[in-house]
Amino acid sequence: MPKDHLLLFSILVLVSLGGCQRPIEIEPASFRYEDEMIREGDFIVLADRRIFVTMAFLNAAGYDEQIEGTTHPVLLRVRNILNAKAAAQPEKFRKWKAYYQRNKFGDHVYKNFALSLSDDYPFRRIRPDSELGYPFTAERLKSLPLILNDFWETNDLDEIWNQVKPSYLEEMRKYDFAKMERQLAFVWNYLRTERKDQFVFVSIPSLLDPHSAMGANYENYWYMVESLQATSYGFSVHEYLHSIINSMVEACYKAHREKLDAYLEARRGTIFAESYRTTPTYTSECLVRALSIRNHILLEKDPLTTKRCEDQIRYLTDNGLSLVGPFYDLLLEFEQSEKSFEEFLPTMLDLLPQYSR
């Protein structure tokens, strides 16, 4: 190859590689489609295309093969459309399934990463790695935006989105903003401290997800992605509490390591505990469950609600989240004290009994 041709080829290769590895161009999140959001004060309900394409991709790639419980008709409709497209393009779908098998993380991990992207096709990273809820995804999912773009274009997802969007808008209209205001105020009143964040809260109905919910923080937005089974069309107290409680538990963990480790080790492999790899995350989940249930009982002041919630506490405690019951009982001690919850937590962990079957 002549030297001038070799030089040109080398430049093209470097430019190509540089394009693949170019730095993330950081920019603020934007919600450009006014008809796909409802906002009142610091609360937004959003039909989110990032979550839509991510969950469509995961469903096509083999996520949650068996649907259990209540599902939204949109989930079945999109799955049927994608199954038909898979028959026409088996090689593409084989590659997407292979990618998911290599990166078989929980849907919450994918959704967290998706919220670091721009709000519409073509999707690209706009938030820094430092904001990712799961830092390992910066490397492991770095090619996901390109894959989602290919998936969107190949399957005409723009057309599918427009077909199902009315169902998302219908779900959005069910949210009660006044209720959300009350629930947020009650959380901080219960914890006996001033609200420390300045979040704008973004609730995202996820109709392609049968059962889960998750929270994520990018910039000053606190995102709450909720499936049909996981929403009450109010404020997601559970997901928000994680933004408050997780750091408190981390700060207290070292002093109570042996006691807390015993609870997780004894329940590994059970239905609810299997996804928690570290004791602090397991402990935080149990404590947040206890707190969110207690807040719900106190807000509703209804005997039937109380009975249903107490049954839920027993069920969670018996099926892997064994700290939920003890933490719930100790919340009564907190309510009798005059301390803020952050001040009381070390005492709460001191009072926590040793694990026993």
Protein backbone atom coordinates (compact mmCIF):
# COMPACT_ATOMS: atom_id res chain seq x y z
CA MET A 1 0.00 0.00 0.00
CA PRO A 2 1.46 3.44 -0.92
CA LYS A 3 2.58 5.53 2.03
CA ASP A 4 -0.01 8.27 1.44
CA HIS A 5 -2.79 5.67 1.26
CA LEU A 6 -1.48 3.98 4.41
CA LEU A 7 -1.45 7.30 6.24
CA LEU A 8 -5.03 8.05 5.17
CA PHE A 9 -6.13 4.56 6.23
CA SER A 10 -4.47 4.99 9.65
CA ILE A 11 -6.17 8.35 10.16
CA LEU A 12 -9.56 6.85 9.28
CA VAL A 13 -9.02 3.97 11.72
CA LEU A 14 -8.03 6.35 14.52
CA VAL A 15 -10.99 8.60 13.82
CA SER A 16 -13.29 5.57 13.82
CA LEU A 17 -11.90 4.27 17.11
CA GLY A 18 -12.00 7.73 18.60
CA GLY A 19 -15.64 8.02 17.63
CA CYS A 20 -16.46 4.81 19.48
CA GLN A 21 -14.59 5.90 22.60
CA ARG A 22 -15.32 9.63 22.57
CA PRO A 23 -15.98 11.22 25.98
CA ILE A 24 -19.54 11.63 27.17
CA GLU A 25 -20.89 15.03 26.27
CA ILE A 26 -22.51 16.06 29.53
CA GLU A 27 -25.72 18.03 29.28
CA PRO A 28 -28.85 18.58 31.38
CA ALA A 29 -31.74 16.19 31.01
CA SER A 30 -34.59 17.49 28.89
CA PHE A 31 -38.19 16.36 28.50
CA ARG A 32 -38.98 17.70 25.08
CA TYR A 33 -42.44 16.22 24.47
CA GLU A 34 -44.97 18.29 26.39
CA ASP A 35 -47.80 15.86 25.61
CA GLU A 36 -45.83 13.05 27.27
CA MET A 37 -45.52 14.64 30.70
CA ILE A 38 -47.65 16.17 33.42
CA ARG A 39 -46.03 18.52 35.92
CA GLU A 40 -47.28 20.10 39.13
CA GLY A 41 -44.67 21.87 41.25
CA ASP A 42 -41.78 19.52 41.99
CA PHE A 43 -43.63 16.46 40.67
CA ILE A 44 -43.55 15.14 37.10
CA VAL A 45 -45.26 12.09 35.65
CA LEU A 46 -43.52 11.07 32.44
CA ALA A 47 -44.06 8.69 29.53
CA ASP A 48 -40.37 7.87 29.20
CA ARG A 49 -39.06 6.60 25.86
CA ARG A 50 -35.75 5.52 27.42
CA ILE A 51 -37.54 3.11 29.76
CA PHE A 52 -39.86 2.01 26.94
CA VAL A 53 -37.01 1.05 24.58
CA THR A 54 -34.99 -0.57 27.36
CA MET A 55 -37.85 -2.76 28.56
CA ALA A 56 -38.86 -3.60 24.97
CA PHE A 57 -35.27 -4.70 24.34
CA LEU A 58 -35.11 -6.78 27.52
CA ASN A 59 -38.42 -8.48 26.73
CA ALA A 60 -37.20 -9.31 23.22
CA ALA A 61 -33.85 -10.52 24.57
CA GLY A 62 -35.32 -13.03 27.03
CA TYR A 63 -36.01 -11.05 30.20
CA ASP A 64 -38.77 -12.46 32.43
CA GLU A 65 -39.83 -15.18 30.02
CA GLN A 66 -42.67 -16.27 32.29
CA ILE A 67 -45.22 -13.56 33.04
CA GLU A 68 -46.81 -13.97 36.45
CA GLY A 69 -49.59 -11.96 38.06
CA THR A 70 -51.28 -8.86 36.68
CA THR A 71 -49.86 -7.44 33.47
CA HIS A 72 -50.78 -4.49 31.32
CA PRO A 73 -52.22 -5.25 27.85
CA VAL A 74 -49.44 -3.11 26.35
CA LEU A 75 -46.86 -5.67 27.53
CA LEU A 76 -48.58 -8.51 25.70
CA ARG A 77 -49.16 -6.35 22.63
CA VAL A 78 -45.52 -5.28 22.34
CA ARG A 79 -44.28 -8.82 22.93
CA ASN A 80 -46.50 -10.13 20.13
CA ILE A 81 -45.24 -7.44 17.73
CA LEU A 82 -41.62 -8.17 18.60
CA ASN A 83 -42.12 -11.93 18.28
CA ALA A 84 -43.37 -11.39 14.73
CA LYS A 85 -40.37 -9.21 13.92
CA ALA A 86 -38.02 -11.79 15.43
CA ALA A 87 -39.34 -14.39 13.01
CA ALA A 88 -38.43 -12.08 10.12
CA GLN A 89 -34.96 -11.18 11.47
CA PRO A 90 -33.73 -14.13 13.53
CA GLU A 91 -30.03 -13.23 13.30
CA LYS A 92 -30.53 -9.76 14.80
CA PHE A 93 -32.57 -11.12 17.68
CA ARG A 94 -30.01 -13.89 18.25
CA LYS A 95 -27.30 -11.24 18.71
CA TRP A 96 -29.46 -9.20 21.08
CA LYS A 97 -30.24 -12.29 23.16
CA ALA A 98 -26.53 -13.16 23.28
CA TYR A 99 -25.75 -9.63 24.51
CA TYR A 100 -28.32 -9.97 27.30
CA GLN A 101 -26.98 -13.40 28.29
CA ARG A 102 -23.51 -11.86 28.63
CA ASN A 103 -24.93 -9.00 30.68
CA LYS A 104 -27.75 -10.66 32.57
CA PHE A 105 -28.36 -8.02 35.20
CA GLY A 106 -31.62 -7.18 36.91
CA ASP A 107 -33.99 -4.92 35.00
CA HIS A 108 -33.38 -2.23 37.68
CA VAL A 109 -29.72 -2.08 36.60
CA TYR A 110 -30.66 -1.54 32.96
CA LYS A 111 -33.31 1.04 33.82
CA ASN A 112 -30.88 2.97 36.02
CA PHE A 113 -28.38 3.11 33.17
CA ALA A 114 -31.09 4.08 30.66
CA LEU A 115 -31.95 7.17 32.68
CA SER A 116 -28.43 8.48 32.02
CA LEU A 117 -29.34 8.75 28.32
CA SER A 118 -30.96 11.45 26.20
CA ASP A 119 -34.75 11.31 26.19
CA ASP A 120 -35.33 10.10 22.61
CA TYR A 121 -33.81 8.19 19.72
CA PRO A 122 -30.95 8.32 18.86
CA PHE A 123 -30.08 7.60 22.50
CA ARG A 124 -26.72 8.73 23.88
CA ARG A 125 -25.11 9.20 27.26
CA ILE A 126 -25.60 12.72 28.65
CA ARG A 127 -24.81 12.19 32.36
CA PRO A 128 -21.39 11.33 33.85
CA ASP A 129 -20.29 7.93 35.12
CA SER A 130 -20.14 9.39 38.64
CA GLU A 131 -23.97 9.64 38.69
CA LEU A 132 -24.60 6.01 37.70
CA GLY A 133 -26.39 4.08 40.44
CA TYR A 134 -24.34 1.00 39.51
CA PRO A 135 -20.79 2.14 38.63
CA PHE A 136 -19.83 -1.14 36.94
CA THR A 137 -22.33 -0.42 34.16
CA ALA A 138 -20.13 2.40 32.83
CA GLU A 139 -17.95 -0.32 31.31
CA ARG A 140 -20.27 -3.33 31.08
CA LEU A 141 -23.14 -1.47 29.36
CA LYS A 142 -21.13 1.11 27.42
CA SER A 143 -22.36 -0.29 24.09
CA LEU A 144 -26.02 -0.36 25.18
CA PRO A 145 -26.96 3.04 23.65
CA LEU A 146 -25.81 1.84 20.21
CA ILE A 147 -27.69 -1.42 20.68
CA LEU A 148 -30.87 0.38 21.75
CA ASN A 149 -30.60 2.64 18.71
CA ASP A 150 -30.24 -0.37 16.43
CA PHE A 151 -33.14 -2.08 18.18
CA TRP A 152 -35.31 1.06 17.83
CA GLU A 153 -34.58 1.51 14.13
CA THR A 154 -34.73 -2.17 13.15
CA ASN A 155 -38.09 -2.74 14.82
CA ASP A 156 -39.75 0.58 13.93
CA LEU A 157 -40.19 1.38 17.60
CA ASP A 158 -41.22 4.92 16.77
CA GLU A 159 -44.35 3.51 15.17
CA ILE A 160 -44.94 1.06 18.03
CA TRP A 161 -44.47 3.86 20.59
CA ASN A 162 -47.10 5.98 18.90
CA GLN A 163 -49.51 3.02 18.93
CA VAL A 164 -49.15 2.39 22.67
CA LYS A 165 -48.57 5.96 23.88
CA PRO A 166 -52.29 6.56 24.61
CA SER A 167 -52.11 3.78 27.23
CA TYR A 168 -49.17 5.52 28.90
CA LEU A 169 -51.03 8.82 28.92
CA GLU A 170 -54.03 7.10 30.49
CA GLU A 171 -51.82 5.70 33.27
CA MET A 172 -50.25 9.12 33.84
CA ARG A 173 -53.63 10.75 34.42
CA LYS A 174 -54.27 8.38 37.35
CA TYR A 175 -51.51 9.95 39.49
CA ASP A 176 -52.72 12.03 42.45
CA PHE A 177 -50.42 15.06 42.90
CA ALA A 178 -52.07 16.26 46.11
CA LYS A 179 -51.53 12.80 47.61
CA MET A 180 -47.89 12.89 46.52
CA GLU A 181 -47.38 16.21 48.32
CA ARG A 182 -48.87 14.78 51.54
CA GLN A 183 -46.77 11.63 51.37
CA LEU A 184 -43.52 13.54 50.84
CA ALA A 185 -44.24 15.91 53.74
CA PHE A 186 -45.18 12.99 55.98
CA VAL A 187 -41.87 11.20 55.35
CA TRP A 188 -39.81 14.09 56.71
CA ASN A 189 -42.24 14.77 59.53
CA TYR A 190 -41.95 11.13 60.60
CA LEU A 191 -38.14 11.18 60.42
CA ARG A 192 -38.16 14.40 62.53
CA THR A 193 -35.77 16.35 60.36
CA GLU A 194 -35.76 19.01 57.67
CA ARG A 195 -35.83 17.86 54.08
CA LYS A 196 -32.23 17.96 52.85
CA ASP A 197 -32.61 17.51 49.09
CA GLN A 198 -33.97 19.69 46.31
CA PHE A 199 -35.18 16.94 44.02
CA VAL A 200 -37.72 17.24 41.27
CA PHE A 201 -39.55 13.91 41.44
CA VAL A 202 -40.21 12.10 38.16
CA SER A 203 -42.66 9.18 38.26
CA ILE A 204 -42.47 6.88 35.22
CA PRO A 205 -45.13 4.22 34.59
CA SER A 206 -43.44 1.16 33.06
CA LEU A 207 -46.08 -0.86 31.23
CA LEU A 208 -43.59 -3.38 29.82
CA ASP A 209 -42.48 -4.45 33.29
CA PRO A 210 -44.78 -6.92 35.08
CA HIS A 211 -43.79 -6.37 38.68
CA SER A 212 -40.89 -4.15 39.79
CA ALA A 213 -40.09 -0.59 40.86
CA MET A 214 -36.80 1.27 41.16
CA GLY A 215 -35.38 4.70 41.96
CA ALA A 216 -32.46 6.62 40.43
CA ASN A 217 -30.87 10.03 40.94
CA TYR A 218 -29.48 12.07 38.05
CA GLU A 219 -28.77 15.79 38.48
CA ASN A 220 -31.51 17.11 40.77
CA TYR A 221 -34.08 14.61 39.46
CA TRP A 222 -35.19 11.64 41.53
CA TYR A 223 -36.70 9.12 39.09
CA MET A 224 -39.20 6.51 40.24
CA VAL A 225 -39.97 3.81 37.66
CA GLU A 226 -43.08 1.82 38.57
CA SER A 227 -44.77 -1.21 37.02
CA LEU A 228 -48.51 -1.81 37.11
CA GLN A 229 -48.23 -3.94 40.26
CA ALA A 230 -45.82 -1.56 42.00
CA THR A 231 -47.71 1.73 41.80
CA SER A 232 -50.42 3.29 43.93
CA TYR A 233 -50.51 6.40 41.68
CA GLY A 234 -49.01 8.44 44.49
CA PHE A 235 -45.49 9.18 45.69
CA SER A 236 -43.13 6.21 45.75
CA VAL A 237 -42.19 6.50 49.42
CA HIS A 238 -40.24 3.24 49.31
CA GLU A 239 -37.93 4.30 46.47
CA TYR A 240 -37.44 7.79 47.89
CA LEU A 241 -36.55 6.46 51.34
CA HIS A 242 -33.57 4.66 49.81
CA SER A 243 -32.08 8.09 48.98
CA ILE A 244 -32.21 8.91 52.70
CA ILE A 245 -31.66 5.60 54.48
CA ASN A 246 -28.90 3.92 52.46
CA SER A 247 -26.17 6.33 53.59
CA MET A 248 -27.34 6.13 57.21
CA VAL A 249 -27.05 2.34 57.17
CA GLU A 250 -23.62 2.49 55.53
CA ALA A 251 -22.43 4.83 58.30
CA CYS A 252 -23.63 2.44 61.03
CA TYR A 253 -22.72 -0.87 59.41
CA LYS A 254 -19.15 -1.30 60.68
CA ALA A 255 -20.19 -1.06 64.33
CA HIS A 256 -22.93 -3.70 63.85
CA ARG A 257 -21.34 -5.85 61.14
CA GLU A 258 -21.44 -9.22 62.91
CA LYS A 259 -25.09 -8.95 63.94
CA LEU A 260 -26.32 -7.72 60.56
CA ASP A 261 -24.22 -10.19 58.55
CA ALA A 262 -25.88 -13.05 60.41
CA TYR A 263 -29.34 -12.01 59.19
CA LEU A 264 -28.30 -12.01 55.54
CA GLU A 265 -26.21 -15.19 55.67
CA ALA A 266 -29.07 -17.12 57.27
CA ARG A 267 -31.50 -16.09 54.51
CA ARG A 268 -29.36 -16.34 51.36
CA GLY A 269 -31.15 -18.15 48.55
CA THR A 270 -34.63 -17.25 49.76
CA ILE A 271 -37.16 -15.60 47.46
CA PHE A 272 -36.47 -11.98 48.47
CA ALA A 273 -32.90 -12.11 49.79
CA GLU A 274 -31.18 -13.71 46.79
CA SER A 275 -30.64 -10.45 44.88
CA TYR A 276 -28.82 -8.67 47.75
CA ARG A 277 -25.09 -9.30 47.57
CA THR A 278 -23.97 -7.09 50.46
CA THR A 279 -25.22 -6.71 53.99
CA PRO A 280 -25.67 -2.90 53.83
CA THR A 281 -27.94 -3.14 50.75
CA TYR A 282 -29.91 -5.97 52.35
CA THR A 283 -30.21 -4.07 55.64
CA SER A 284 -31.28 -0.88 53.85
CA GLU A 285 -33.95 -2.73 51.89
CA CYS A 286 -35.39 -4.26 55.07
CA LEU A 287 -35.36 -0.95 56.92
CA VAL A 288 -36.91 0.94 54.00
CA ARG A 289 -39.65 -1.69 53.75
CA ALA A 290 -40.43 -1.32 57.45
CA LEU A 291 -40.43 2.48 57.26
CA SER A 292 -42.57 2.71 54.12
CA ILE A 293 -45.14 0.27 55.53
CA ARG A 294 -45.26 2.17 58.82
CA ASN A 295 -45.72 5.48 57.01
CA HIS A 296 -48.54 3.98 54.94
CA ILE A 297 -50.35 2.71 58.04
CA LEU A 298 -50.06 6.03 59.85
CA LEU A 299 -51.21 8.02 56.82
CA GLU A 300 -54.19 5.83 55.98
CA LYS A 301 -55.45 5.28 59.55
CA ASP A 302 -57.62 2.44 58.34
CA PRO A 303 -57.99 -0.92 60.16
CA LEU A 304 -58.18 -2.93 56.94
CA THR A 305 -55.05 -1.24 55.60
CA THR A 306 -53.27 -1.89 58.89
CA LYS A 307 -54.22 -5.58 58.79
CA ARG A 308 -53.07 -5.94 55.18
CA CYS A 309 -49.77 -4.19 55.95
CA GLU A 310 -49.11 -6.32 59.02
CA ASP A 311 -49.70 -9.44 56.92
CA GLN A 312 -47.19 -8.08 54.41
CA ILE A 313 -44.61 -7.56 57.17
CA ARG A 314 -44.93 -11.19 58.24
CA TYR A 315 -44.74 -12.42 54.65
CA LEU A 316 -41.59 -10.43 53.85
CA THR A 317 -39.94 -11.44 57.13
CA ASP A 318 -40.70 -15.13 56.57
CA ASN A 319 -39.55 -15.13 52.94
CA GLY A 320 -36.07 -13.69 53.17
CA LEU A 321 -36.22 -10.09 54.37
CA SER A 322 -35.90 -11.24 57.96
CA LEU A 323 -35.03 -7.80 59.33
CA VAL A 324 -38.34 -6.23 58.27
CA GLY A 325 -40.30 -7.52 61.28
CA PRO A 326 -37.68 -6.64 63.93
CA PHE A 327 -37.14 -3.21 62.38
CA TYR A 328 -40.87 -2.55 62.26
CA ASP A 329 -41.22 -3.43 65.95
CA LEU A 330 -38.32 -1.11 66.81
CA LEU A 331 -39.98 1.78 64.97
CA LEU A 332 -42.42 1.91 67.87
CA GLU A 333 -39.42 2.60 70.13
CA PHE A 334 -38.36 5.40 67.78
CA GLU A 335 -41.81 6.95 67.89
CA GLN A 336 -41.63 7.04 71.70
CA SER A 337 -38.29 8.85 71.57
CA GLU A 338 -37.64 12.50 70.78
CA LYS A 339 -34.66 11.88 68.50
CA SER A 340 -34.44 12.30 64.76
CA PHE A 341 -34.30 8.98 62.93
CA GLU A 342 -30.65 9.50 62.02
CA GLU A 343 -29.83 10.01 65.71
CA PHE A 344 -31.92 7.00 66.74
CA LEU A 345 -30.60 4.50 64.18
CA PRO A 346 -27.47 3.45 66.17
CA THR A 347 -29.72 2.80 69.18
CA MET A 348 -32.12 0.87 66.97
CA LEU A 349 -29.28 -1.38 65.79
CA ASP A 350 -28.10 -1.85 69.39
CA LEU A 351 -31.62 -2.97 70.33
CA LEU A 352 -31.92 -5.30 67.34
CA PRO A 353 -31.90 -8.89 68.64
CA GLN A 354 -29.33 -11.39 67.47
CA TYR A 355 -30.57 -13.55 64.61
CA SER A 356 -32.27 -16.76 65.66
CA ARG A 357 -34.50 -19.14 63.71
